[in-house]
Amino acid sequence: MRGMRSLLVRRLAGADADAPGVRPHEWIARDVSAFLGATERIGAYIAPASDDLVLGGAAVSAACTDDGWVINTSTAAGVHTLRATTAEDAADAVVELAESAHNGTLFKDPNLAAAWTCVVRFGADAQNTIVLGPHSVRGTVDGNPVSEWDPAFIRGLFAAS
């Protein structure tokens, strides 16, 4: 999902020994390659309330691979961490970011909090979208409108994989 498309990460995924520069550890290259090659992803990212398609801050993306879940977290400054994890831990990371936007604690300043949303995306081509602002929810899941935030639903996506 968002953030993992940087050229640096793509170079790590390739682990081309003939290319100049630093060669990644084989475990890092394996995790990045598995993440990029996964067909099932669930993620959340911070976006301006005015345009939820624009990445505006932190992001958490989890990918289900043959070996389990790999999670990528990134800061607004673009600093990434990538690690293998459990379905429960991946769900916790996505739900925690989403709930902080929904309960209004993403930012201390309420005016600032109102200017930002957390977008949860999942499904084939990430077509399902739940947009959470301070005490507000909108979006669509499988073509149906969403009007309530249900963290158990998101956790269920991880458990079903």
N, C-alpha and C. Protein backbone atom coordinates (compact mmCIF):
# COMPACT_ATOMS: atom_id res chain seq x y z
N MET A 1 0.84 -1.17 0.00
CA MET A 1 0.00 0.00 0.00
C MET A 1 0.89 1.23 0.00
N ARG A 2 0.38 2.31 0.52
CA ARG A 2 1.11 3.57 0.48
C ARG A 2 2.46 3.46 1.18
N GLY A 3 3.44 4.16 0.65
CA GLY A 3 4.75 4.22 1.28
C GLY A 3 5.71 3.14 0.79
N MET A 4 5.22 1.96 0.50
CA MET A 4 6.09 0.85 0.11
C MET A 4 6.53 0.94 -1.34
N ARG A 5 6.11 1.95 -2.04
CA ARG A 5 6.45 2.05 -3.44
C ARG A 5 7.70 2.89 -3.70
N SER A 6 8.39 3.24 -2.66
CA SER A 6 9.58 4.08 -2.85
C SER A 6 10.64 3.31 -3.64
N LEU A 7 11.44 4.05 -4.33
CA LEU A 7 12.49 3.39 -5.13
C LEU A 7 13.48 2.63 -4.25
N LEU A 8 13.76 3.16 -3.08
CA LEU A 8 14.69 2.47 -2.19
C LEU A 8 14.16 1.09 -1.85
N VAL A 9 12.89 1.01 -1.52
CA VAL A 9 12.33 -0.28 -1.15
C VAL A 9 12.31 -1.22 -2.35
N ARG A 10 11.99 -0.69 -3.50
CA ARG A 10 12.00 -1.55 -4.68
C ARG A 10 13.41 -2.09 -4.95
N ARG A 11 14.42 -1.27 -4.71
CA ARG A 11 15.79 -1.75 -4.89
C ARG A 11 16.11 -2.82 -3.86
N LEU A 12 15.66 -2.64 -2.63
CA LEU A 12 15.88 -3.65 -1.61
C LEU A 12 15.19 -4.95 -1.98
N ALA A 13 14.00 -4.84 -2.53
CA ALA A 13 13.25 -6.04 -2.88
C ALA A 13 13.99 -6.84 -3.94
N GLY A 14 14.66 -6.14 -4.85
CA GLY A 14 15.39 -6.83 -5.90
C GLY A 14 16.68 -7.45 -5.41
N ALA A 15 17.31 -6.82 -4.43
CA ALA A 15 18.57 -7.31 -3.87
C ALA A 15 19.58 -7.64 -4.97
N ASP A 16 19.75 -6.74 -5.91
CA ASP A 16 20.65 -6.94 -7.03
C ASP A 16 22.09 -6.78 -6.55
N ALA A 17 22.81 -7.88 -6.50
CA ALA A 17 24.19 -7.87 -5.99
C ALA A 17 25.12 -7.10 -6.92
N ASP A 18 24.77 -6.97 -8.20
CA ASP A 18 25.62 -6.26 -9.15
C ASP A 18 25.41 -4.76 -9.14
N ALA A 19 24.34 -4.30 -8.52
CA ALA A 19 24.06 -2.87 -8.47
C ALA A 19 24.96 -2.21 -7.44
N PRO A 20 25.38 -0.97 -7.70
CA PRO A 20 26.20 -0.27 -6.71
C PRO A 20 25.38 0.05 -5.47
N GLY A 21 26.06 0.23 -4.37
CA GLY A 21 25.37 0.60 -3.13
C GLY A 21 25.35 -0.53 -2.13
N VAL A 22 24.62 -0.32 -1.11
CA VAL A 22 24.55 -1.28 -0.01
C VAL A 22 23.60 -2.42 -0.38
N ARG A 23 24.04 -3.61 -0.11
CA ARG A 23 23.20 -4.78 -0.33
C ARG A 23 22.47 -5.13 0.95
N PRO A 24 21.16 -5.31 0.91
CA PRO A 24 20.42 -5.60 2.13
C PRO A 24 20.65 -7.02 2.62
N HIS A 25 20.40 -7.21 3.88
CA HIS A 25 20.44 -8.56 4.43
C HIS A 25 19.36 -9.38 3.73
N GLU A 26 19.61 -10.64 3.52
CA GLU A 26 18.65 -11.49 2.79
C GLU A 26 17.28 -11.55 3.46
N TRP A 27 17.21 -11.44 4.77
CA TRP A 27 15.91 -11.47 5.46
C TRP A 27 15.12 -10.20 5.16
N ILE A 28 15.82 -9.07 5.10
CA ILE A 28 15.13 -7.82 4.77
C ILE A 28 14.61 -7.90 3.34
N ALA A 29 15.46 -8.33 2.43
CA ALA A 29 15.04 -8.45 1.03
C ALA A 29 13.86 -9.41 0.90
N ARG A 30 13.88 -10.50 1.65
CA ARG A 30 12.78 -11.48 1.60
C ARG A 30 11.47 -10.85 2.08
N ASP A 31 11.53 -10.13 3.22
CA ASP A 31 10.32 -9.52 3.76
C ASP A 31 9.76 -8.45 2.84
N VAL A 32 10.64 -7.63 2.28
CA VAL A 32 10.19 -6.58 1.36
C VAL A 32 9.58 -7.21 0.11
N SER A 33 10.24 -8.20 -0.43
CA SER A 33 9.72 -8.87 -1.62
C SER A 33 8.38 -9.53 -1.33
N ALA A 34 8.25 -10.18 -0.18
CA ALA A 34 6.98 -10.80 0.19
C ALA A 34 5.89 -9.75 0.35
N PHE A 35 6.23 -8.63 0.96
CA PHE A 35 5.26 -7.55 1.14
C PHE A 35 4.78 -7.03 -0.20
N LEU A 36 5.70 -6.73 -1.09
CA LEU A 36 5.33 -6.18 -2.39
C LEU A 36 4.58 -7.19 -3.25
N GLY A 37 4.87 -8.47 -3.07
CA GLY A 37 4.22 -9.51 -3.87
C GLY A 37 2.90 -10.01 -3.30
N ALA A 38 2.55 -9.59 -2.10
CA ALA A 38 1.32 -10.08 -1.47
C ALA A 38 0.09 -9.58 -2.22
N THR A 39 -0.91 -10.42 -2.29
CA THR A 39 -2.16 -10.04 -2.94
C THR A 39 -3.20 -9.56 -1.94
N GLU A 40 -2.97 -9.81 -0.67
CA GLU A 40 -3.90 -9.36 0.36
C GLU A 40 -3.22 -8.38 1.30
N ARG A 41 -3.77 -7.17 1.35
CA ARG A 41 -3.22 -6.12 2.22
C ARG A 41 -4.35 -5.43 2.96
N ILE A 42 -4.03 -5.01 4.17
CA ILE A 42 -4.95 -4.21 4.97
C ILE A 42 -4.11 -3.08 5.53
N GLY A 43 -4.58 -1.85 5.41
CA GLY A 43 -3.76 -0.75 5.88
C GLY A 43 -4.58 0.44 6.31
N ALA A 44 -3.89 1.36 6.97
CA ALA A 44 -4.49 2.61 7.41
C ALA A 44 -3.46 3.71 7.22
N TYR A 45 -3.92 4.89 6.81
CA TYR A 45 -3.01 6.02 6.65
C TYR A 45 -3.73 7.31 7.03
N ILE A 46 -2.94 8.29 7.42
CA ILE A 46 -3.46 9.60 7.78
C ILE A 46 -3.57 10.43 6.50
N ALA A 47 -4.72 11.09 6.35
CA ALA A 47 -4.98 11.90 5.14
C ALA A 47 -5.67 13.19 5.55
N PRO A 48 -5.51 14.24 4.75
CA PRO A 48 -6.27 15.46 5.03
C PRO A 48 -7.77 15.18 4.93
N ALA A 49 -8.55 15.79 5.80
CA ALA A 49 -10.00 15.60 5.76
C ALA A 49 -10.58 16.06 4.43
N SER A 50 -9.91 16.98 3.77
CA SER A 50 -10.39 17.51 2.49
C SER A 50 -10.16 16.56 1.32
N ASP A 51 -9.26 15.58 1.46
CA ASP A 51 -8.97 14.65 0.36
C ASP A 51 -8.38 13.37 0.92
N ASP A 52 -9.23 12.37 1.12
CA ASP A 52 -8.76 11.13 1.75
C ASP A 52 -7.94 10.23 0.82
N LEU A 53 -7.71 10.66 -0.40
CA LEU A 53 -6.84 9.90 -1.30
C LEU A 53 -5.37 10.33 -1.18
N VAL A 54 -5.13 11.39 -0.45
CA VAL A 54 -3.78 11.94 -0.32
C VAL A 54 -3.15 11.47 0.99
N LEU A 55 -2.00 10.83 0.88
CA LEU A 55 -1.26 10.44 2.08
C LEU A 55 -0.72 11.70 2.73
N GLY A 56 -1.07 11.90 3.99
CA GLY A 56 -0.67 13.13 4.67
C GLY A 56 0.11 12.91 5.94
N GLY A 57 0.41 11.68 6.27
CA GLY A 57 1.10 11.43 7.54
C GLY A 57 1.47 9.98 7.68
N ALA A 58 1.38 9.51 8.89
CA ALA A 58 1.78 8.14 9.22
C ALA A 58 0.91 7.13 8.48
N ALA A 59 1.46 5.93 8.33
CA ALA A 59 0.73 4.85 7.67
C ALA A 59 1.15 3.51 8.27
N VAL A 60 0.21 2.59 8.27
CA VAL A 60 0.45 1.21 8.69
C VAL A 60 -0.14 0.33 7.60
N SER A 61 0.68 -0.55 7.04
CA SER A 61 0.20 -1.46 6.00
C SER A 61 0.63 -2.87 6.37
N ALA A 62 -0.30 -3.80 6.30
CA ALA A 62 -0.01 -5.19 6.61
C ALA A 62 -0.32 -6.04 5.39
N ALA A 63 0.56 -6.99 5.11
CA ALA A 63 0.38 -7.87 3.96
C ALA A 63 0.45 -9.31 4.42
N CYS A 64 -0.49 -10.11 3.94
CA CYS A 64 -0.51 -11.53 4.26
C CYS A 64 0.35 -12.25 3.23
N THR A 65 1.39 -12.91 3.72
CA THR A 65 2.32 -13.61 2.84
C THR A 65 2.23 -15.11 3.10
N ASP A 66 2.96 -15.88 2.35
CA ASP A 66 2.98 -17.33 2.56
C ASP A 66 3.49 -17.70 3.94
N ASP A 67 4.34 -16.84 4.51
CA ASP A 67 4.93 -17.12 5.82
C ASP A 67 4.22 -16.41 6.97
N GLY A 68 3.12 -15.75 6.71
CA GLY A 68 2.41 -15.01 7.75
C GLY A 68 2.28 -13.55 7.35
N TRP A 69 2.16 -12.68 8.33
CA TRP A 69 1.95 -11.26 8.08
C TRP A 69 3.26 -10.49 8.13
N VAL A 70 3.39 -9.52 7.24
CA VAL A 70 4.50 -8.57 7.25
C VAL A 70 3.87 -7.19 7.38
N ILE A 71 4.39 -6.39 8.29
CA ILE A 71 3.81 -5.07 8.53
C ILE A 71 4.84 -3.99 8.23
N ASN A 72 4.39 -2.95 7.55
CA ASN A 72 5.21 -1.78 7.26
C ASN A 72 4.57 -0.60 7.97
N THR A 73 5.33 0.09 8.79
CA THR A 73 4.86 1.33 9.39
C THR A 73 5.74 2.44 8.87
N SER A 74 5.15 3.60 8.65
CA SER A 74 5.94 4.74 8.18
C SER A 74 5.46 6.00 8.88
N THR A 75 6.39 6.90 9.08
CA THR A 75 6.09 8.18 9.70
C THR A 75 5.77 9.20 8.61
N ALA A 76 5.32 10.36 9.03
CA ALA A 76 5.04 11.43 8.08
C ALA A 76 6.30 11.84 7.33
N ALA A 77 7.46 11.63 7.95
CA ALA A 77 8.73 11.98 7.32
C ALA A 77 9.22 10.89 6.37
N GLY A 78 8.48 9.79 6.26
CA GLY A 78 8.85 8.73 5.33
C GLY A 78 9.79 7.69 5.88
N VAL A 79 9.98 7.65 7.19
CA VAL A 79 10.83 6.63 7.80
C VAL A 79 10.02 5.35 7.93
N HIS A 80 10.54 4.26 7.38
CA HIS A 80 9.83 2.98 7.36
C HIS A 80 10.42 1.99 8.35
N THR A 81 9.55 1.14 8.88
CA THR A 81 10.00 -0.08 9.56
C THR A 81 9.22 -1.21 8.93
N LEU A 82 9.85 -2.33 8.80
CA LEU A 82 9.24 -3.50 8.18
C LEU A 82 9.58 -4.69 9.05
N ARG A 83 8.57 -5.49 9.37
CA ARG A 83 8.84 -6.66 10.21
C ARG A 83 7.77 -7.72 10.00
N ALA A 84 8.19 -8.94 10.20
CA ALA A 84 7.24 -10.05 10.21
C ALA A 84 6.50 -10.00 11.53
N THR A 85 5.22 -10.38 11.51
CA THR A 85 4.41 -10.27 12.72
C THR A 85 3.26 -11.26 12.68
N THR A 86 2.45 -11.23 13.71
CA THR A 86 1.26 -12.08 13.78
C THR A 86 0.05 -11.32 13.25
N ALA A 87 -1.00 -12.04 12.95
CA ALA A 87 -2.24 -11.40 12.51
C ALA A 87 -2.78 -10.48 13.61
N GLU A 88 -2.67 -10.90 14.85
CA GLU A 88 -3.17 -10.09 15.97
C GLU A 88 -2.40 -8.79 16.11
N ASP A 89 -1.08 -8.86 16.01
CA ASP A 89 -0.25 -7.65 16.12
C ASP A 89 -0.51 -6.70 14.95
N ALA A 90 -0.66 -7.25 13.76
CA ALA A 90 -0.94 -6.41 12.59
C ALA A 90 -2.30 -5.73 12.75
N ALA A 91 -3.29 -6.48 13.21
CA ALA A 91 -4.62 -5.89 13.44
C ALA A 91 -4.54 -4.79 14.49
N ASP A 92 -3.80 -5.03 15.56
CA ASP A 92 -3.65 -4.01 16.61
C ASP A 92 -3.08 -2.71 16.05
N ALA A 93 -2.08 -2.82 15.19
CA ALA A 93 -1.43 -1.62 14.64
C ALA A 93 -2.41 -0.82 13.77
N VAL A 94 -3.16 -1.50 12.92
CA VAL A 94 -4.12 -0.81 12.04
C VAL A 94 -5.25 -0.20 12.88
N VAL A 95 -5.80 -0.98 13.80
CA VAL A 95 -6.92 -0.51 14.62
C VAL A 95 -6.50 0.64 15.52
N GLU A 96 -5.29 0.58 16.08
CA GLU A 96 -4.82 1.66 16.96
C GLU A 96 -4.75 3.00 16.23
N LEU A 97 -4.22 3.00 15.02
CA LEU A 97 -4.13 4.24 14.24
C LEU A 97 -5.54 4.75 13.90
N ALA A 98 -6.41 3.85 13.47
CA ALA A 98 -7.78 4.24 13.12
C ALA A 98 -8.55 4.76 14.33
N GLU A 99 -8.42 4.08 15.45
CA GLU A 99 -9.16 4.52 16.64
C GLU A 99 -8.68 5.87 17.16
N SER A 100 -7.39 6.15 17.02
CA SER A 100 -6.90 7.45 17.48
C SER A 100 -7.52 8.60 16.67
N ALA A 101 -7.76 8.36 15.39
CA ALA A 101 -8.43 9.37 14.58
C ALA A 101 -9.91 9.45 14.95
N HIS A 102 -10.54 8.32 15.16
CA HIS A 102 -11.97 8.29 15.45
C HIS A 102 -12.30 8.88 16.82
N ASN A 103 -11.46 8.62 17.82
CA ASN A 103 -11.77 9.15 19.15
C ASN A 103 -11.18 10.55 19.39
N GLY A 104 -10.54 11.12 18.37
CA GLY A 104 -10.07 12.50 18.44
C GLY A 104 -8.75 12.68 19.16
N THR A 105 -7.99 11.61 19.37
CA THR A 105 -6.71 11.73 20.08
C THR A 105 -5.49 11.66 19.16
N LEU A 106 -5.73 11.68 17.87
CA LEU A 106 -4.61 11.64 16.93
C LEU A 106 -3.71 12.86 17.12
N PHE A 107 -4.33 14.02 17.39
CA PHE A 107 -3.61 15.25 17.68
C PHE A 107 -4.17 15.85 18.96
N LYS A 108 -3.34 16.54 19.71
CA LYS A 108 -3.81 17.17 20.95
C LYS A 108 -4.74 18.34 20.67
N ASP A 109 -4.46 19.09 19.62
CA ASP A 109 -5.26 20.25 19.25
C ASP A 109 -6.52 19.78 18.52
N PRO A 110 -7.73 20.03 19.08
CA PRO A 110 -8.96 19.56 18.44
C PRO A 110 -9.17 20.13 17.03
N ASN A 111 -8.70 21.34 16.78
CA ASN A 111 -8.82 21.92 15.43
C ASN A 111 -7.96 21.17 14.44
N LEU A 112 -6.78 20.80 14.89
CA LEU A 112 -5.89 20.01 14.04
C LEU A 112 -6.47 18.62 13.80
N ALA A 113 -7.01 18.02 14.85
CA ALA A 113 -7.61 16.68 14.72
C ALA A 113 -8.74 16.70 13.70
N ALA A 114 -9.53 17.76 13.67
CA ALA A 114 -10.65 17.86 12.74
C ALA A 114 -10.20 17.99 11.29
N ALA A 115 -8.97 18.42 11.09
CA ALA A 115 -8.46 18.61 9.73
C ALA A 115 -7.90 17.33 9.11
N TRP A 116 -7.84 16.25 9.89
CA TRP A 116 -7.22 15.01 9.42
C TRP A 116 -8.15 13.82 9.62
N THR A 117 -7.98 12.82 8.79
CA THR A 117 -8.72 11.57 8.91
C THR A 117 -7.75 10.40 8.87
N CYS A 118 -8.25 9.25 9.24
CA CYS A 118 -7.52 8.01 9.04
C CYS A 118 -8.33 7.19 8.05
N VAL A 119 -7.67 6.72 7.02
CA VAL A 119 -8.32 5.94 5.97
C VAL A 119 -7.87 4.49 6.10
N VAL A 120 -8.82 3.59 6.30
CA VAL A 120 -8.54 2.16 6.34
C VAL A 120 -8.95 1.59 4.98
N ARG A 121 -8.03 0.88 4.34
CA ARG A 121 -8.30 0.31 3.02
C ARG A 121 -7.97 -1.17 3.03
N PHE A 122 -8.78 -1.93 2.31
CA PHE A 122 -8.57 -3.38 2.22
C PHE A 122 -9.38 -3.92 1.06
N GLY A 123 -9.15 -5.18 0.75
CA GLY A 123 -9.85 -5.84 -0.35
C GLY A 123 -9.01 -5.82 -1.61
N ALA A 124 -9.49 -6.54 -2.61
CA ALA A 124 -8.80 -6.56 -3.90
C ALA A 124 -8.68 -5.13 -4.41
N ASP A 125 -7.48 -4.74 -4.75
CA ASP A 125 -7.19 -3.37 -5.22
C ASP A 125 -7.58 -2.31 -4.20
N ALA A 126 -7.68 -2.68 -2.92
CA ALA A 126 -8.00 -1.75 -1.83
C ALA A 126 -9.27 -0.97 -2.10
N GLN A 127 -10.27 -1.64 -2.70
CA GLN A 127 -11.49 -0.95 -3.07
C GLN A 127 -12.37 -0.61 -1.87
N ASN A 128 -12.22 -1.30 -0.76
CA ASN A 128 -13.01 -1.01 0.44
C ASN A 128 -12.32 0.07 1.25
N THR A 129 -13.09 1.10 1.61
CA THR A 129 -12.52 2.26 2.28
C THR A 129 -13.40 2.67 3.45
N ILE A 130 -12.78 2.83 4.61
CA ILE A 130 -13.45 3.37 5.78
C ILE A 130 -12.66 4.60 6.20
N VAL A 131 -13.31 5.75 6.22
CA VAL A 131 -12.66 7.01 6.55
C VAL A 131 -13.15 7.46 7.92
N LEU A 132 -12.20 7.62 8.85
CA LEU A 132 -12.55 7.96 10.23
C LEU A 132 -11.99 9.32 10.60
N GLY A 133 -12.88 10.17 11.08
CA GLY A 133 -12.49 11.46 11.64
C GLY A 133 -12.92 11.47 13.09
N PRO A 134 -12.71 12.58 13.79
CA PRO A 134 -13.15 12.64 15.18
C PRO A 134 -14.65 12.37 15.30
N HIS A 135 -14.99 11.22 15.80
CA HIS A 135 -16.38 10.79 16.04
C HIS A 135 -17.21 10.77 14.76
N SER A 136 -16.56 10.47 13.64
CA SER A 136 -17.28 10.36 12.36
C SER A 136 -16.73 9.19 11.56
N VAL A 137 -17.60 8.61 10.76
CA VAL A 137 -17.24 7.47 9.91
C VAL A 137 -18.00 7.58 8.60
N ARG A 138 -17.29 7.27 7.51
CA ARG A 138 -17.94 7.17 6.20
C ARG A 138 -17.11 6.22 5.36
N GLY A 139 -17.67 5.80 4.26
CA GLY A 139 -16.95 4.92 3.36
C GLY A 139 -17.85 3.85 2.78
N THR A 140 -17.22 2.90 2.09
CA THR A 140 -17.96 1.77 1.51
C THR A 140 -17.16 0.49 1.70
N VAL A 141 -17.89 -0.58 1.96
CA VAL A 141 -17.32 -1.92 2.05
C VAL A 141 -18.17 -2.82 1.17
N ASP A 142 -17.55 -3.42 0.18
CA ASP A 142 -18.24 -4.27 -0.79
C ASP A 142 -19.44 -3.55 -1.40
N GLY A 143 -19.28 -2.26 -1.68
CA GLY A 143 -20.31 -1.47 -2.32
C GLY A 143 -21.39 -0.94 -1.39
N ASN A 144 -21.34 -1.30 -0.11
CA ASN A 144 -22.34 -0.85 0.85
C ASN A 144 -21.78 0.28 1.70
N PRO A 145 -22.62 1.29 1.99
CA PRO A 145 -22.13 2.41 2.81
C PRO A 145 -21.81 1.97 4.24
N VAL A 146 -20.81 2.63 4.80
CA VAL A 146 -20.40 2.38 6.19
C VAL A 146 -20.75 3.62 7.00
N SER A 147 -21.40 3.43 8.13
CA SER A 147 -21.77 4.57 8.96
C SER A 147 -21.36 4.40 10.42
N GLU A 148 -20.79 3.24 10.78
CA GLU A 148 -20.34 3.00 12.15
C GLU A 148 -18.95 2.40 12.14
N TRP A 149 -18.15 2.77 13.13
CA TRP A 149 -16.81 2.22 13.28
C TRP A 149 -16.92 0.94 14.11
N ASP A 150 -16.40 -0.15 13.55
CA ASP A 150 -16.43 -1.45 14.21
C ASP A 150 -15.03 -2.06 14.16
N PRO A 151 -14.21 -1.83 15.20
CA PRO A 151 -12.86 -2.40 15.20
C PRO A 151 -12.85 -3.92 15.09
N ALA A 152 -13.88 -4.58 15.62
CA ALA A 152 -13.94 -6.04 15.54
C ALA A 152 -14.04 -6.50 14.08
N PHE A 153 -14.67 -5.72 13.24
CA PHE A 153 -14.75 -6.06 11.82
C PHE A 153 -13.35 -6.08 11.20
N ILE A 154 -12.56 -5.05 11.51
CA ILE A 154 -11.19 -4.98 10.98
C ILE A 154 -10.35 -6.14 11.52
N ARG A 155 -10.46 -6.41 12.81
CA ARG A 155 -9.74 -7.55 13.40
C ARG A 155 -10.15 -8.85 12.74
N GLY A 156 -11.41 -8.96 12.38
CA GLY A 156 -11.90 -10.17 11.71
C GLY A 156 -11.27 -10.38 10.35
N LEU A 157 -10.92 -9.30 9.65
CA LEU A 157 -10.25 -9.41 8.36
C LEU A 157 -8.90 -10.11 8.51
N PHE A 158 -8.22 -9.80 9.58
CA PHE A 158 -6.90 -10.42 9.83
C PHE A 158 -7.07 -11.88 10.24
N ALA A 159 -8.06 -12.16 11.05
CA ALA A 159 -8.28 -13.52 11.53
C ALA A 159 -8.73 -14.46 10.41
N ALA A 160 -9.45 -13.91 9.43
CA ALA A 160 -9.96 -14.72 8.33
C ALA A 160 -8.89 -15.10 7.33
N SER A 161 -7.76 -14.43 7.37
CA SER A 161 -6.70 -14.69 6.37
C SER A 161 -5.80 -15.82 6.77
